[in-house]
Amino acid sequence: MHTVLVTGSNRGIGLEFCRQLQRRGDQVIAVCREVSAELSALDVRIESGIDLLHESDRSQLVARLNGVGLDRVILNAGILEACELDDLDPDSIRRQFELNALAPLALSRALLDRLSPGAKLALMTSRMGSIDDNTSGGSYGYRMSKVALNMAGKSLAIDLKPRGIAVAILHPGLVRTRMIQFNPHGVMPQEAVRGLLDRLDQLTLETSGTFWHANGDVLPW
């Protein structure tokens, strides 16, 4: 049994992480801004009112975790906003960068003293953060933020290896959630999370810093 912290836990992939982790017997700490009915129905510890954009909220979360050792941290919170060349919105790009890239890095740093020996850290990124895989352009804010997150994850893997902490950089695939308007071509969250948990379970210090698809494929940078 592990103690696992999940951000962005009130819906979508984060909620499904909480469901599957609870089902397999892990102790789950669900972090969110607002609690959903679906999250409340789970037998997990909920830390709500946490806006990861704010340093004061990140510090408050760390204080609430006093005495708790974390075996797994899944940094899943993120946003996707349309931002194309014809309607380029610098404010939108900043918002996506701050929540998708800067906030996970800052929270990773803040939680270091709560991580148990041999802990694992998962960053939920996207294939849209692959430069080599970009064949359609557009989505400037989201793509740029996920490239930044991928680089942060690679650096974290190097910096945390001496501490015995491994880092997974994970793409869930196209998943049928509200973020993508429940695109019918996407897989269900249950399938995506099963694959993501397999990647996290199999993560070692030797494979730390790898950019994986949920299905196990290694993705290009």
N, C-alpha and C. Protein backbone atom coordinates (compact mmCIF):
# COMPACT_ATOMS: atom_id res chain seq x y z
N MET A 1 0.84 -1.19 0.00
CA MET A 1 0.00 0.00 0.00
C MET A 1 0.88 1.25 0.00
N HIS A 2 0.51 2.22 -0.84
CA HIS A 2 1.25 3.46 -0.93
C HIS A 2 0.35 4.65 -0.56
N THR A 3 1.00 5.71 -0.14
CA THR A 3 0.30 6.98 0.05
C THR A 3 0.55 7.81 -1.20
N VAL A 4 -0.55 8.20 -1.88
CA VAL A 4 -0.44 8.83 -3.19
C VAL A 4 -1.19 10.16 -3.18
N LEU A 5 -0.51 11.21 -3.60
CA LEU A 5 -1.14 12.53 -3.75
C LEU A 5 -1.45 12.76 -5.22
N VAL A 6 -2.68 13.20 -5.49
CA VAL A 6 -3.13 13.44 -6.87
C VAL A 6 -3.67 14.85 -6.96
N THR A 7 -3.15 15.67 -7.86
CA THR A 7 -3.71 17.01 -8.08
C THR A 7 -4.71 16.96 -9.25
N GLY A 8 -5.57 17.98 -9.31
CA GLY A 8 -6.60 17.99 -10.35
C GLY A 8 -7.51 16.80 -10.22
N SER A 9 -7.94 16.52 -8.98
CA SER A 9 -8.57 15.23 -8.67
C SER A 9 -10.08 15.23 -8.70
N ASN A 10 -10.71 16.35 -9.00
CA ASN A 10 -12.17 16.39 -8.86
C ASN A 10 -12.93 15.94 -10.11
N ARG A 11 -12.23 15.70 -11.20
CA ARG A 11 -12.91 15.23 -12.41
C ARG A 11 -11.90 14.61 -13.36
N GLY A 12 -12.41 14.02 -14.43
CA GLY A 12 -11.57 13.53 -15.51
C GLY A 12 -10.53 12.51 -15.09
N ILE A 13 -9.33 12.65 -15.61
CA ILE A 13 -8.26 11.70 -15.37
C ILE A 13 -7.89 11.68 -13.89
N GLY A 14 -7.83 12.84 -13.25
CA GLY A 14 -7.48 12.89 -11.84
C GLY A 14 -8.45 12.14 -10.97
N LEU A 15 -9.73 12.29 -11.24
CA LEU A 15 -10.76 11.56 -10.49
C LEU A 15 -10.61 10.06 -10.69
N GLU A 16 -10.32 9.66 -11.92
CA GLU A 16 -10.16 8.23 -12.20
C GLU A 16 -8.90 7.67 -11.53
N PHE A 17 -7.85 8.46 -11.46
CA PHE A 17 -6.69 8.05 -10.68
C PHE A 17 -7.10 7.73 -9.25
N CYS A 18 -7.87 8.64 -8.64
CA CYS A 18 -8.30 8.44 -7.26
C CYS A 18 -9.13 7.16 -7.13
N ARG A 19 -10.03 6.92 -8.06
CA ARG A 19 -10.87 5.72 -8.02
C ARG A 19 -10.01 4.46 -8.06
N GLN A 20 -9.12 4.39 -9.04
CA GLN A 20 -8.35 3.16 -9.22
C GLN A 20 -7.34 2.96 -8.10
N LEU A 21 -6.74 4.03 -7.61
CA LEU A 21 -5.80 3.91 -6.51
C LEU A 21 -6.50 3.46 -5.24
N GLN A 22 -7.68 4.02 -4.98
CA GLN A 22 -8.44 3.60 -3.80
C GLN A 22 -8.83 2.13 -3.92
N ARG A 23 -9.26 1.73 -5.12
CA ARG A 23 -9.72 0.37 -5.33
C ARG A 23 -8.61 -0.64 -5.07
N ARG A 24 -7.38 -0.27 -5.37
CA ARG A 24 -6.30 -1.24 -5.17
C ARG A 24 -5.67 -1.15 -3.77
N GLY A 25 -6.23 -0.27 -2.93
CA GLY A 25 -5.83 -0.25 -1.54
C GLY A 25 -4.85 0.82 -1.13
N ASP A 26 -4.54 1.74 -2.04
CA ASP A 26 -3.64 2.83 -1.69
C ASP A 26 -4.37 3.89 -0.88
N GLN A 27 -3.62 4.64 -0.08
CA GLN A 27 -4.17 5.79 0.62
C GLN A 27 -4.02 7.00 -0.29
N VAL A 28 -5.14 7.63 -0.60
CA VAL A 28 -5.15 8.69 -1.60
C VAL A 28 -5.39 10.04 -0.93
N ILE A 29 -4.59 11.02 -1.33
CA ILE A 29 -4.80 12.41 -0.93
C ILE A 29 -5.16 13.17 -2.19
N ALA A 30 -6.42 13.57 -2.29
CA ALA A 30 -6.95 14.21 -3.49
C ALA A 30 -6.91 15.73 -3.32
N VAL A 31 -6.18 16.40 -4.18
CA VAL A 31 -6.00 17.84 -4.09
C VAL A 31 -6.79 18.52 -5.21
N CYS A 32 -7.55 19.55 -4.85
CA CYS A 32 -8.37 20.23 -5.86
C CYS A 32 -8.74 21.63 -5.37
N ARG A 33 -9.24 22.43 -6.28
CA ARG A 33 -9.76 23.74 -5.89
C ARG A 33 -11.16 23.59 -5.31
N GLU A 34 -12.01 22.82 -6.01
CA GLU A 34 -13.38 22.62 -5.56
C GLU A 34 -13.71 21.13 -5.59
N VAL A 35 -14.42 20.68 -4.58
CA VAL A 35 -14.78 19.27 -4.48
C VAL A 35 -15.98 18.99 -5.38
N SER A 36 -15.94 17.87 -6.10
CA SER A 36 -17.08 17.43 -6.89
C SER A 36 -17.83 16.35 -6.12
N ALA A 37 -19.08 16.12 -6.52
CA ALA A 37 -19.86 15.06 -5.88
C ALA A 37 -19.21 13.70 -6.09
N GLU A 38 -18.63 13.51 -7.27
CA GLU A 38 -17.99 12.22 -7.58
C GLU A 38 -16.78 11.98 -6.68
N LEU A 39 -16.01 13.03 -6.43
CA LEU A 39 -14.85 12.88 -5.55
C LEU A 39 -15.29 12.66 -4.11
N SER A 40 -16.30 13.39 -3.68
CA SER A 40 -16.80 13.24 -2.30
C SER A 40 -17.28 11.83 -2.02
N ALA A 41 -17.75 11.14 -3.06
CA ALA A 41 -18.28 9.79 -2.89
C ALA A 41 -17.18 8.76 -2.64
N LEU A 42 -15.92 9.12 -2.90
CA LEU A 42 -14.81 8.19 -2.71
C LEU A 42 -14.30 8.26 -1.27
N ASP A 43 -13.77 7.16 -0.81
CA ASP A 43 -13.20 7.10 0.53
C ASP A 43 -11.72 7.48 0.46
N VAL A 44 -11.50 8.78 0.21
CA VAL A 44 -10.14 9.31 0.11
C VAL A 44 -10.05 10.58 0.94
N ARG A 45 -8.83 10.96 1.26
CA ARG A 45 -8.60 12.24 1.96
C ARG A 45 -8.64 13.35 0.92
N ILE A 46 -9.45 14.37 1.17
CA ILE A 46 -9.60 15.47 0.21
C ILE A 46 -9.00 16.74 0.80
N GLU A 47 -8.11 17.34 0.06
CA GLU A 47 -7.56 18.65 0.41
C GLU A 47 -8.03 19.64 -0.65
N SER A 48 -9.10 20.36 -0.33
CA SER A 48 -9.71 21.27 -1.30
C SER A 48 -9.32 22.72 -0.99
N GLY A 49 -9.75 23.61 -1.88
CA GLY A 49 -9.43 25.02 -1.72
C GLY A 49 -7.99 25.34 -2.07
N ILE A 50 -7.35 24.46 -2.82
CA ILE A 50 -5.94 24.65 -3.19
C ILE A 50 -5.85 25.06 -4.65
N ASP A 51 -5.44 26.29 -4.88
CA ASP A 51 -5.19 26.78 -6.23
C ASP A 51 -3.68 26.73 -6.45
N LEU A 52 -3.24 25.82 -7.28
CA LEU A 52 -1.81 25.58 -7.44
C LEU A 52 -1.06 26.73 -8.10
N LEU A 53 -1.80 27.71 -8.63
CA LEU A 53 -1.15 28.89 -9.19
C LEU A 53 -0.57 29.78 -8.10
N HIS A 54 -1.06 29.63 -6.87
CA HIS A 54 -0.68 30.54 -5.79
C HIS A 54 0.33 29.88 -4.85
N GLU A 55 1.44 30.54 -4.64
CA GLU A 55 2.46 30.01 -3.74
C GLU A 55 1.90 29.80 -2.34
N SER A 56 1.03 30.71 -1.89
CA SER A 56 0.46 30.58 -0.55
C SER A 56 -0.37 29.31 -0.42
N ASP A 57 -1.10 28.93 -1.48
CA ASP A 57 -1.88 27.69 -1.44
C ASP A 57 -0.98 26.47 -1.47
N ARG A 58 0.09 26.53 -2.25
CA ARG A 58 1.03 25.40 -2.25
C ARG A 58 1.66 25.22 -0.87
N SER A 59 2.01 26.32 -0.24
CA SER A 59 2.58 26.25 1.11
C SER A 59 1.56 25.71 2.10
N GLN A 60 0.31 26.13 1.94
CA GLN A 60 -0.75 25.65 2.83
C GLN A 60 -0.92 24.14 2.69
N LEU A 61 -0.86 23.64 1.46
CA LEU A 61 -0.99 22.21 1.23
C LEU A 61 0.15 21.46 1.93
N VAL A 62 1.37 21.94 1.77
CA VAL A 62 2.51 21.28 2.41
C VAL A 62 2.32 21.28 3.92
N ALA A 63 1.83 22.38 4.48
CA ALA A 63 1.60 22.44 5.92
C ALA A 63 0.54 21.44 6.36
N ARG A 64 -0.51 21.27 5.56
CA ARG A 64 -1.56 20.30 5.89
C ARG A 64 -1.02 18.87 5.89
N LEU A 65 0.04 18.64 5.14
CA LEU A 65 0.61 17.30 5.03
C LEU A 65 1.67 17.03 6.08
N ASN A 66 1.76 17.86 7.08
CA ASN A 66 2.77 17.69 8.12
C ASN A 66 2.70 16.28 8.71
N GLY A 67 3.83 15.61 8.69
CA GLY A 67 3.90 14.25 9.23
C GLY A 67 3.52 13.16 8.25
N VAL A 68 3.07 13.52 7.04
CA VAL A 68 2.67 12.54 6.04
C VAL A 68 3.82 12.28 5.07
N GLY A 69 4.15 11.02 4.88
CA GLY A 69 5.15 10.65 3.89
C GLY A 69 4.46 10.22 2.60
N LEU A 70 4.91 10.76 1.49
CA LEU A 70 4.30 10.46 0.19
C LEU A 70 5.16 9.47 -0.59
N ASP A 71 4.54 8.40 -1.05
CA ASP A 71 5.23 7.41 -1.87
C ASP A 71 5.09 7.70 -3.36
N ARG A 72 3.99 8.33 -3.73
CA ARG A 72 3.71 8.67 -5.12
C ARG A 72 3.08 10.05 -5.16
N VAL A 73 3.49 10.86 -6.13
CA VAL A 73 2.87 12.16 -6.38
C VAL A 73 2.51 12.22 -7.85
N ILE A 74 1.24 12.42 -8.15
CA ILE A 74 0.75 12.49 -9.53
C ILE A 74 0.26 13.91 -9.77
N LEU A 75 1.04 14.68 -10.54
CA LEU A 75 0.72 16.08 -10.80
C LEU A 75 -0.05 16.16 -12.10
N ASN A 76 -1.37 16.16 -11.94
CA ASN A 76 -2.28 16.00 -13.06
C ASN A 76 -3.00 17.29 -13.44
N ALA A 77 -3.08 18.26 -12.55
CA ALA A 77 -3.86 19.48 -12.81
C ALA A 77 -3.32 20.22 -14.03
N GLY A 78 -4.23 20.70 -14.87
CA GLY A 78 -3.82 21.45 -16.06
C GLY A 78 -5.01 22.04 -16.77
N ILE A 79 -4.75 22.91 -17.72
CA ILE A 79 -5.81 23.53 -18.52
C ILE A 79 -5.43 23.50 -20.00
N LEU A 80 -6.45 23.54 -20.83
CA LEU A 80 -6.29 23.62 -22.28
C LEU A 80 -7.18 24.73 -22.78
N GLU A 81 -6.57 25.76 -23.37
CA GLU A 81 -7.32 26.87 -23.95
C GLU A 81 -6.90 27.04 -25.41
N ALA A 82 -7.88 27.28 -26.26
CA ALA A 82 -7.59 27.48 -27.68
C ALA A 82 -6.75 28.75 -27.85
N CYS A 83 -5.72 28.64 -28.66
CA CYS A 83 -4.85 29.79 -28.91
C CYS A 83 -4.15 29.58 -30.25
N GLU A 84 -4.78 30.09 -31.30
CA GLU A 84 -4.26 29.90 -32.65
C GLU A 84 -3.58 31.17 -33.14
N LEU A 85 -2.90 31.08 -34.25
CA LEU A 85 -2.12 32.20 -34.75
C LEU A 85 -2.99 33.41 -35.05
N ASP A 86 -4.20 33.19 -35.56
CA ASP A 86 -5.07 34.30 -35.92
C ASP A 86 -5.69 34.99 -34.71
N ASP A 87 -5.71 34.32 -33.56
CA ASP A 87 -6.27 34.96 -32.36
C ASP A 87 -5.33 34.75 -31.18
N LEU A 88 -4.06 35.02 -31.41
CA LEU A 88 -3.03 34.80 -30.40
C LEU A 88 -3.33 35.63 -29.15
N ASP A 89 -3.34 34.98 -28.01
CA ASP A 89 -3.72 35.62 -26.75
C ASP A 89 -2.59 35.40 -25.74
N PRO A 90 -1.72 36.40 -25.56
CA PRO A 90 -0.61 36.24 -24.63
C PRO A 90 -1.05 35.91 -23.20
N ASP A 91 -2.17 36.44 -22.77
CA ASP A 91 -2.65 36.14 -21.41
C ASP A 91 -3.00 34.66 -21.28
N SER A 92 -3.61 34.10 -22.32
CA SER A 92 -3.95 32.69 -22.30
C SER A 92 -2.68 31.83 -22.28
N ILE A 93 -1.69 32.23 -23.05
CA ILE A 93 -0.42 31.49 -23.06
C ILE A 93 0.21 31.52 -21.67
N ARG A 94 0.19 32.67 -21.02
CA ARG A 94 0.75 32.77 -19.67
C ARG A 94 -0.01 31.88 -18.69
N ARG A 95 -1.34 31.90 -18.76
CA ARG A 95 -2.14 31.07 -17.85
C ARG A 95 -1.79 29.60 -18.01
N GLN A 96 -1.71 29.16 -19.26
CA GLN A 96 -1.41 27.74 -19.50
C GLN A 96 0.01 27.40 -19.07
N PHE A 97 0.95 28.29 -19.31
CA PHE A 97 2.32 28.03 -18.89
C PHE A 97 2.39 27.95 -17.37
N GLU A 98 1.72 28.87 -16.68
CA GLU A 98 1.82 28.92 -15.22
C GLU A 98 1.21 27.68 -14.57
N LEU A 99 0.05 27.23 -15.06
CA LEU A 99 -0.58 26.07 -14.43
C LEU A 99 -0.01 24.76 -14.94
N ASN A 100 0.27 24.67 -16.23
CA ASN A 100 0.70 23.40 -16.81
C ASN A 100 2.18 23.09 -16.59
N ALA A 101 3.00 24.12 -16.43
CA ALA A 101 4.45 23.90 -16.33
C ALA A 101 5.05 24.42 -15.04
N LEU A 102 4.80 25.68 -14.72
CA LEU A 102 5.44 26.28 -13.55
C LEU A 102 4.89 25.72 -12.25
N ALA A 103 3.56 25.58 -12.14
CA ALA A 103 2.97 25.09 -10.90
C ALA A 103 3.43 23.67 -10.55
N PRO A 104 3.46 22.72 -11.50
CA PRO A 104 3.97 21.37 -11.15
C PRO A 104 5.43 21.39 -10.68
N LEU A 105 6.25 22.22 -11.31
CA LEU A 105 7.65 22.30 -10.89
C LEU A 105 7.74 22.87 -9.47
N ALA A 106 7.00 23.95 -9.22
CA ALA A 106 7.04 24.58 -7.89
C ALA A 106 6.51 23.64 -6.82
N LEU A 107 5.44 22.89 -7.13
CA LEU A 107 4.90 21.97 -6.13
C LEU A 107 5.85 20.80 -5.90
N SER A 108 6.49 20.32 -6.95
CA SER A 108 7.48 19.26 -6.79
C SER A 108 8.55 19.69 -5.80
N ARG A 109 9.04 20.91 -5.97
CA ARG A 109 10.06 21.44 -5.05
C ARG A 109 9.51 21.55 -3.63
N ALA A 110 8.29 22.04 -3.50
CA ALA A 110 7.70 22.24 -2.18
C ALA A 110 7.47 20.93 -1.43
N LEU A 111 7.23 19.84 -2.17
CA LEU A 111 6.91 18.56 -1.56
C LEU A 111 8.13 17.67 -1.30
N LEU A 112 9.30 18.13 -1.62
CA LEU A 112 10.48 17.27 -1.53
C LEU A 112 10.65 16.67 -0.14
N ASP A 113 10.44 17.47 0.88
CA ASP A 113 10.63 16.95 2.24
C ASP A 113 9.53 15.99 2.68
N ARG A 114 8.46 15.89 1.89
CA ARG A 114 7.38 14.96 2.20
C ARG A 114 7.53 13.64 1.45
N LEU A 115 8.48 13.57 0.51
CA LEU A 115 8.64 12.38 -0.31
C LEU A 115 9.43 11.31 0.42
N SER A 116 8.89 10.11 0.47
CA SER A 116 9.55 9.00 1.14
C SER A 116 10.72 8.49 0.30
N PRO A 117 11.68 7.80 0.92
CA PRO A 117 12.76 7.17 0.13
C PRO A 117 12.17 6.21 -0.91
N GLY A 118 12.65 6.32 -2.14
CA GLY A 118 12.13 5.49 -3.21
C GLY A 118 10.83 6.00 -3.81
N ALA A 119 10.45 7.24 -3.50
CA ALA A 119 9.19 7.80 -4.02
C ALA A 119 9.25 7.98 -5.54
N LYS A 120 8.06 8.08 -6.13
CA LYS A 120 7.96 8.29 -7.57
C LYS A 120 7.08 9.52 -7.83
N LEU A 121 7.49 10.29 -8.82
CA LEU A 121 6.80 11.52 -9.20
C LEU A 121 6.34 11.39 -10.65
N ALA A 122 5.05 11.65 -10.89
CA ALA A 122 4.50 11.57 -12.25
C ALA A 122 4.01 12.93 -12.69
N LEU A 123 4.47 13.37 -13.85
CA LEU A 123 4.02 14.62 -14.45
C LEU A 123 3.10 14.27 -15.62
N MET A 124 1.87 14.76 -15.56
CA MET A 124 0.93 14.50 -16.64
C MET A 124 1.12 15.54 -17.74
N THR A 125 1.72 15.12 -18.82
CA THR A 125 2.02 16.00 -19.93
C THR A 125 1.13 15.65 -21.12
N SER A 126 1.61 15.88 -22.31
CA SER A 126 0.84 15.58 -23.52
C SER A 126 1.80 15.36 -24.69
N ARG A 127 1.35 14.54 -25.59
CA ARG A 127 2.09 14.36 -26.84
C ARG A 127 2.19 15.69 -27.61
N MET A 128 1.27 16.61 -27.32
CA MET A 128 1.32 17.93 -27.96
C MET A 128 2.53 18.73 -27.48
N GLY A 129 3.24 18.23 -26.47
CA GLY A 129 4.48 18.84 -26.05
C GLY A 129 5.70 18.24 -26.75
N SER A 130 5.47 17.39 -27.72
CA SER A 130 6.57 16.84 -28.51
C SER A 130 6.82 17.74 -29.72
N ILE A 131 8.02 18.27 -29.84
CA ILE A 131 8.37 19.10 -30.99
C ILE A 131 8.43 18.25 -32.26
N ASP A 132 9.04 17.08 -32.16
CA ASP A 132 9.20 16.22 -33.33
C ASP A 132 7.86 15.71 -33.85
N ASP A 133 6.88 15.55 -32.95
CA ASP A 133 5.59 14.99 -33.32
C ASP A 133 4.59 16.04 -33.78
N ASN A 134 4.98 17.31 -33.77
CA ASN A 134 4.06 18.38 -34.13
C ASN A 134 3.93 18.46 -35.65
N THR A 135 2.81 17.93 -36.15
CA THR A 135 2.56 17.97 -37.60
C THR A 135 1.36 18.82 -37.96
N SER A 136 0.69 19.42 -36.96
CA SER A 136 -0.53 20.17 -37.25
C SER A 136 -0.46 21.63 -36.81
N GLY A 137 0.57 22.03 -36.07
CA GLY A 137 0.72 23.42 -35.65
C GLY A 137 -0.36 23.86 -34.68
N GLY A 138 -0.46 25.18 -34.48
CA GLY A 138 -1.49 25.75 -33.63
C GLY A 138 -1.35 25.39 -32.17
N SER A 139 -2.42 25.66 -31.40
CA SER A 139 -2.48 25.35 -29.96
C SER A 139 -1.23 25.87 -29.25
N TYR A 140 -0.92 27.13 -29.48
CA TYR A 140 0.37 27.66 -29.04
C TYR A 140 0.55 27.59 -27.53
N GLY A 141 -0.42 28.03 -26.77
CA GLY A 141 -0.27 28.04 -25.32
C GLY A 141 -0.10 26.65 -24.75
N TYR A 142 -0.95 25.73 -25.18
CA TYR A 142 -0.91 24.38 -24.64
C TYR A 142 0.38 23.66 -25.05
N ARG A 143 0.72 23.74 -26.33
CA ARG A 143 1.94 23.08 -26.79
C ARG A 143 3.17 23.63 -26.07
N MET A 144 3.28 24.95 -25.99
CA MET A 144 4.44 25.56 -25.36
C MET A 144 4.54 25.19 -23.89
N SER A 145 3.40 25.15 -23.21
CA SER A 145 3.41 24.82 -21.78
C SER A 145 3.84 23.37 -21.55
N LYS A 146 3.42 22.47 -22.43
CA LYS A 146 3.77 21.07 -22.24
C LYS A 146 5.22 20.78 -22.63
N VAL A 147 5.76 21.52 -23.59
CA VAL A 147 7.20 21.40 -23.88
C VAL A 147 7.98 21.82 -22.63
N ALA A 148 7.55 22.91 -22.00
CA ALA A 148 8.22 23.38 -20.79
C ALA A 148 8.12 22.35 -19.67
N LEU A 149 6.94 21.74 -19.53
CA LEU A 149 6.77 20.72 -18.50
C LEU A 149 7.67 19.52 -18.76
N ASN A 150 7.77 19.11 -20.02
CA ASN A 150 8.64 17.99 -20.36
C ASN A 150 10.09 18.27 -19.98
N MET A 151 10.55 19.49 -20.25
CA MET A 151 11.92 19.85 -19.89
C MET A 151 12.10 19.87 -18.38
N ALA A 152 11.09 20.39 -17.68
CA ALA A 152 11.16 20.39 -16.21
C ALA A 152 11.24 18.96 -15.69
N GLY A 153 10.45 18.06 -16.28
CA GLY A 153 10.46 16.67 -15.85
C GLY A 153 11.81 16.01 -16.07
N LYS A 154 12.43 16.30 -17.21
CA LYS A 154 13.75 15.71 -17.49
C LYS A 154 14.79 16.22 -16.49
N SER A 155 14.75 17.51 -16.19
CA SER A 155 15.69 18.06 -15.22
C SER A 155 15.43 17.52 -13.83
N LEU A 156 14.16 17.38 -13.45
CA LEU A 156 13.82 16.81 -12.15
C LEU A 156 14.36 15.38 -12.03
N ALA A 157 14.24 14.62 -13.12
CA ALA A 157 14.73 13.24 -13.09
C ALA A 157 16.24 13.20 -12.78
N ILE A 158 16.97 14.14 -13.35
CA ILE A 158 18.41 14.20 -13.10
C ILE A 158 18.70 14.68 -11.68
N ASP A 159 18.01 15.74 -11.27
CA ASP A 159 18.30 16.34 -9.96
C ASP A 159 17.83 15.48 -8.79
N LEU A 160 16.78 14.69 -9.00
CA LEU A 160 16.23 13.90 -7.90
C LEU A 160 16.79 12.48 -7.84
N LYS A 161 17.51 12.07 -8.85
CA LYS A 161 18.06 10.70 -8.84
C LYS A 161 18.96 10.45 -7.64
N PRO A 162 19.83 11.38 -7.25
CA PRO A 162 20.65 11.13 -6.05
C PRO A 162 19.83 10.94 -4.78
N ARG A 163 18.60 11.44 -4.77
CA ARG A 163 17.71 11.27 -3.62
C ARG A 163 16.92 9.96 -3.70
N GLY A 164 17.10 9.22 -4.80
CA GLY A 164 16.36 7.98 -4.97
C GLY A 164 14.95 8.17 -5.44
N ILE A 165 14.63 9.33 -6.03
CA ILE A 165 13.27 9.64 -6.50
C ILE A 165 13.25 9.58 -8.02
N ALA A 166 12.33 8.77 -8.56
CA ALA A 166 12.21 8.60 -10.01
C ALA A 166 11.05 9.44 -10.54
N VAL A 167 11.19 9.89 -11.78
CA VAL A 167 10.21 10.79 -12.41
C VAL A 167 9.71 10.20 -13.72
N ALA A 168 8.40 10.15 -13.87
CA ALA A 168 7.77 9.72 -15.12
C ALA A 168 7.11 10.92 -15.79
N ILE A 169 7.31 11.05 -17.09
CA ILE A 169 6.70 12.12 -17.89
C ILE A 169 5.67 11.42 -18.78
N LEU A 170 4.39 11.60 -18.49
CA LEU A 170 3.35 10.71 -19.01
C LEU A 170 2.31 11.42 -19.88
N HIS A 171 2.06 10.84 -21.04
CA HIS A 171 0.99 11.27 -21.94
C HIS A 171 -0.16 10.26 -21.85
N PRO A 172 -1.36 10.70 -21.49
CA PRO A 172 -2.46 9.74 -21.31
C PRO A 172 -3.09 9.23 -22.59
N GLY A 173 -2.75 9.84 -23.73
CA GLY A 173 -3.48 9.56 -24.95
C GLY A 173 -4.64 10.54 -25.09
N LEU A 174 -5.41 10.39 -26.15
CA LEU A 174 -6.62 11.18 -26.32
C LEU A 174 -7.70 10.55 -25.45
N VAL A 175 -8.10 11.27 -24.40
CA VAL A 175 -8.99 10.71 -23.40
C VAL A 175 -10.31 11.47 -23.41
N ARG A 176 -11.39 10.75 -23.33
CA ARG A 176 -12.73 11.32 -23.42
C ARG A 176 -13.11 12.03 -22.11
N THR A 177 -12.64 13.29 -21.97
CA THR A 177 -12.93 14.09 -20.79
C THR A 177 -13.48 15.45 -21.21
N ARG A 178 -13.89 16.22 -20.22
CA ARG A 178 -14.44 17.55 -20.51
C ARG A 178 -13.41 18.45 -21.16
N MET A 179 -12.12 18.25 -20.85
CA MET A 179 -11.07 19.10 -21.42
C MET A 179 -11.11 19.10 -22.94
N ILE A 180 -11.48 17.96 -23.54
CA ILE A 180 -11.54 17.88 -25.00
C ILE A 180 -12.99 17.66 -25.47
N GLN A 181 -13.94 18.21 -24.67
CA GLN A 181 -15.36 18.12 -25.02
C GLN A 181 -15.83 16.68 -25.26
N PHE A 182 -15.28 15.76 -24.47
CA PHE A 182 -15.68 14.35 -24.53
C PHE A 182 -15.61 13.81 -25.96
N ASN A 183 -14.52 14.11 -26.62
CA ASN A 183 -14.29 13.67 -28.01
C ASN A 183 -14.56 12.16 -28.12
N PRO A 184 -15.50 11.77 -28.99
CA PRO A 184 -15.84 10.34 -29.08
C PRO A 184 -14.71 9.46 -29.60
N HIS A 185 -13.69 10.06 -30.19
CA HIS A 185 -12.55 9.28 -30.67
C HIS A 185 -11.57 8.95 -29.54
N GLY A 186 -11.77 9.55 -28.39
CA GLY A 186 -10.87 9.30 -27.28
C GLY A 186 -11.19 8.02 -26.54
N VAL A 187 -10.19 7.54 -25.80
CA VAL A 187 -10.41 6.37 -24.95
C VAL A 187 -11.06 6.83 -23.66
N MET A 188 -11.66 5.90 -22.94
CA MET A 188 -12.29 6.23 -21.68
C MET A 188 -11.21 6.45 -20.61
N PRO A 189 -11.48 7.31 -19.62
CA PRO A 189 -10.48 7.55 -18.56
C PRO A 189 -10.03 6.28 -17.87
N GLN A 190 -10.92 5.30 -17.71
CA GLN A 190 -10.55 4.06 -17.04
C GLN A 190 -9.39 3.37 -17.76
N GLU A 191 -9.47 3.31 -19.08
CA GLU A 191 -8.42 2.65 -19.87
C GLU A 191 -7.12 3.44 -19.79
N ALA A 192 -7.21 4.76 -19.93
CA ALA A 192 -6.00 5.59 -19.89
C ALA A 192 -5.29 5.46 -18.55
N VAL A 193 -6.05 5.53 -17.47
CA VAL A 193 -5.43 5.49 -16.14
C VAL A 193 -4.82 4.13 -15.84
N ARG A 194 -5.43 3.06 -16.31
CA ARG A 194 -4.82 1.75 -16.13
C ARG A 194 -3.42 1.73 -16.74
N GLY A 195 -3.30 2.27 -17.94
CA GLY A 195 -2.00 2.31 -18.59
C GLY A 195 -1.03 3.23 -17.86
N LEU A 196 -1.51 4.38 -17.41
CA LEU A 196 -0.65 5.32 -16.70
C LEU A 196 -0.12 4.73 -15.40
N LEU A 197 -0.99 4.03 -14.68
CA LEU A 197 -0.54 3.40 -13.44
C LEU A 197 0.47 2.28 -13.71
N ASP A 198 0.30 1.57 -14.82
CA ASP A 198 1.30 0.57 -15.20
C ASP A 198 2.66 1.22 -15.42
N ARG A 199 2.66 2.37 -16.11
CA ARG A 199 3.92 3.06 -16.34
C ARG A 199 4.56 3.49 -15.02
N LEU A 200 3.75 3.99 -14.10
CA LEU A 200 4.27 4.45 -12.82
C LEU A 200 4.77 3.28 -11.99
N ASP A 201 4.04 2.18 -12.00
CA ASP A 201 4.45 1.01 -11.23
C ASP A 201 5.78 0.46 -11.74
N GLN A 202 5.98 0.51 -13.05
CA GLN A 202 7.19 -0.06 -13.64
C GLN A 202 8.37 0.91 -13.66
N LEU A 203 8.13 2.16 -13.27
CA LEU A 203 9.18 3.18 -13.27
C LEU A 203 10.31 2.81 -12.32
N THR A 204 11.54 2.99 -12.76
CA THR A 204 12.72 2.78 -11.93
C THR A 204 13.64 3.99 -12.07
N LEU A 205 14.67 4.05 -11.26
CA LEU A 205 15.65 5.12 -11.39
C LEU A 205 16.36 5.05 -12.74
N GLU A 206 16.48 3.85 -13.29
CA GLU A 206 17.15 3.69 -14.59
C GLU A 206 16.29 4.24 -15.72
N THR A 207 14.97 4.19 -15.59
CA THR A 207 14.09 4.70 -16.65
C THR A 207 13.53 6.08 -16.32
N SER A 208 13.95 6.65 -15.20
CA SER A 208 13.48 7.97 -14.80
C SER A 208 13.76 9.01 -15.88
N GLY A 209 12.79 9.89 -16.10
CA GLY A 209 12.95 10.94 -17.11
C GLY A 209 12.48 10.55 -18.49
N THR A 210 11.89 9.37 -18.63
CA THR A 210 11.38 8.92 -19.93
C THR A 210 10.01 9.54 -20.21
N PHE A 211 9.78 9.87 -21.46
CA PHE A 211 8.52 10.46 -21.94
C PHE A 211 7.69 9.33 -22.53
N TRP A 212 6.66 8.88 -21.79
CA TRP A 212 5.88 7.72 -22.17
C TRP A 212 4.46 8.05 -22.58
N HIS A 213 3.95 7.29 -23.54
CA HIS A 213 2.51 7.19 -23.78
C HIS A 213 1.95 6.21 -22.75
N ALA A 214 0.68 6.35 -22.40
CA ALA A 214 0.06 5.42 -21.45
C ALA A 214 0.17 3.97 -21.91
N ASN A 215 0.23 3.75 -23.21
CA ASN A 215 0.30 2.38 -23.73
C ASN A 215 1.70 1.77 -23.67
N GLY A 216 2.67 2.54 -23.17
CA GLY A 216 4.03 2.04 -23.02
C GLY A 216 5.00 2.50 -24.09
N ASP A 217 4.50 3.12 -25.16
CA ASP A 217 5.41 3.63 -26.19
C ASP A 217 6.24 4.79 -25.63
N VAL A 218 7.52 4.83 -26.01
CA VAL A 218 8.35 5.96 -25.68
C VAL A 218 8.18 7.01 -26.77
N LEU A 219 7.86 8.23 -26.36
CA LEU A 219 7.52 9.28 -27.32
C LEU A 219 8.73 10.13 -27.66
N PRO A 220 8.76 10.70 -28.85
CA PRO A 220 9.88 11.57 -29.25
C PRO A 220 9.77 12.94 -28.57
N TRP A 221 10.90 13.53 -28.34
CA TRP A 221 10.90 14.88 -27.77
C TRP A 221 10.58 15.92 -28.85
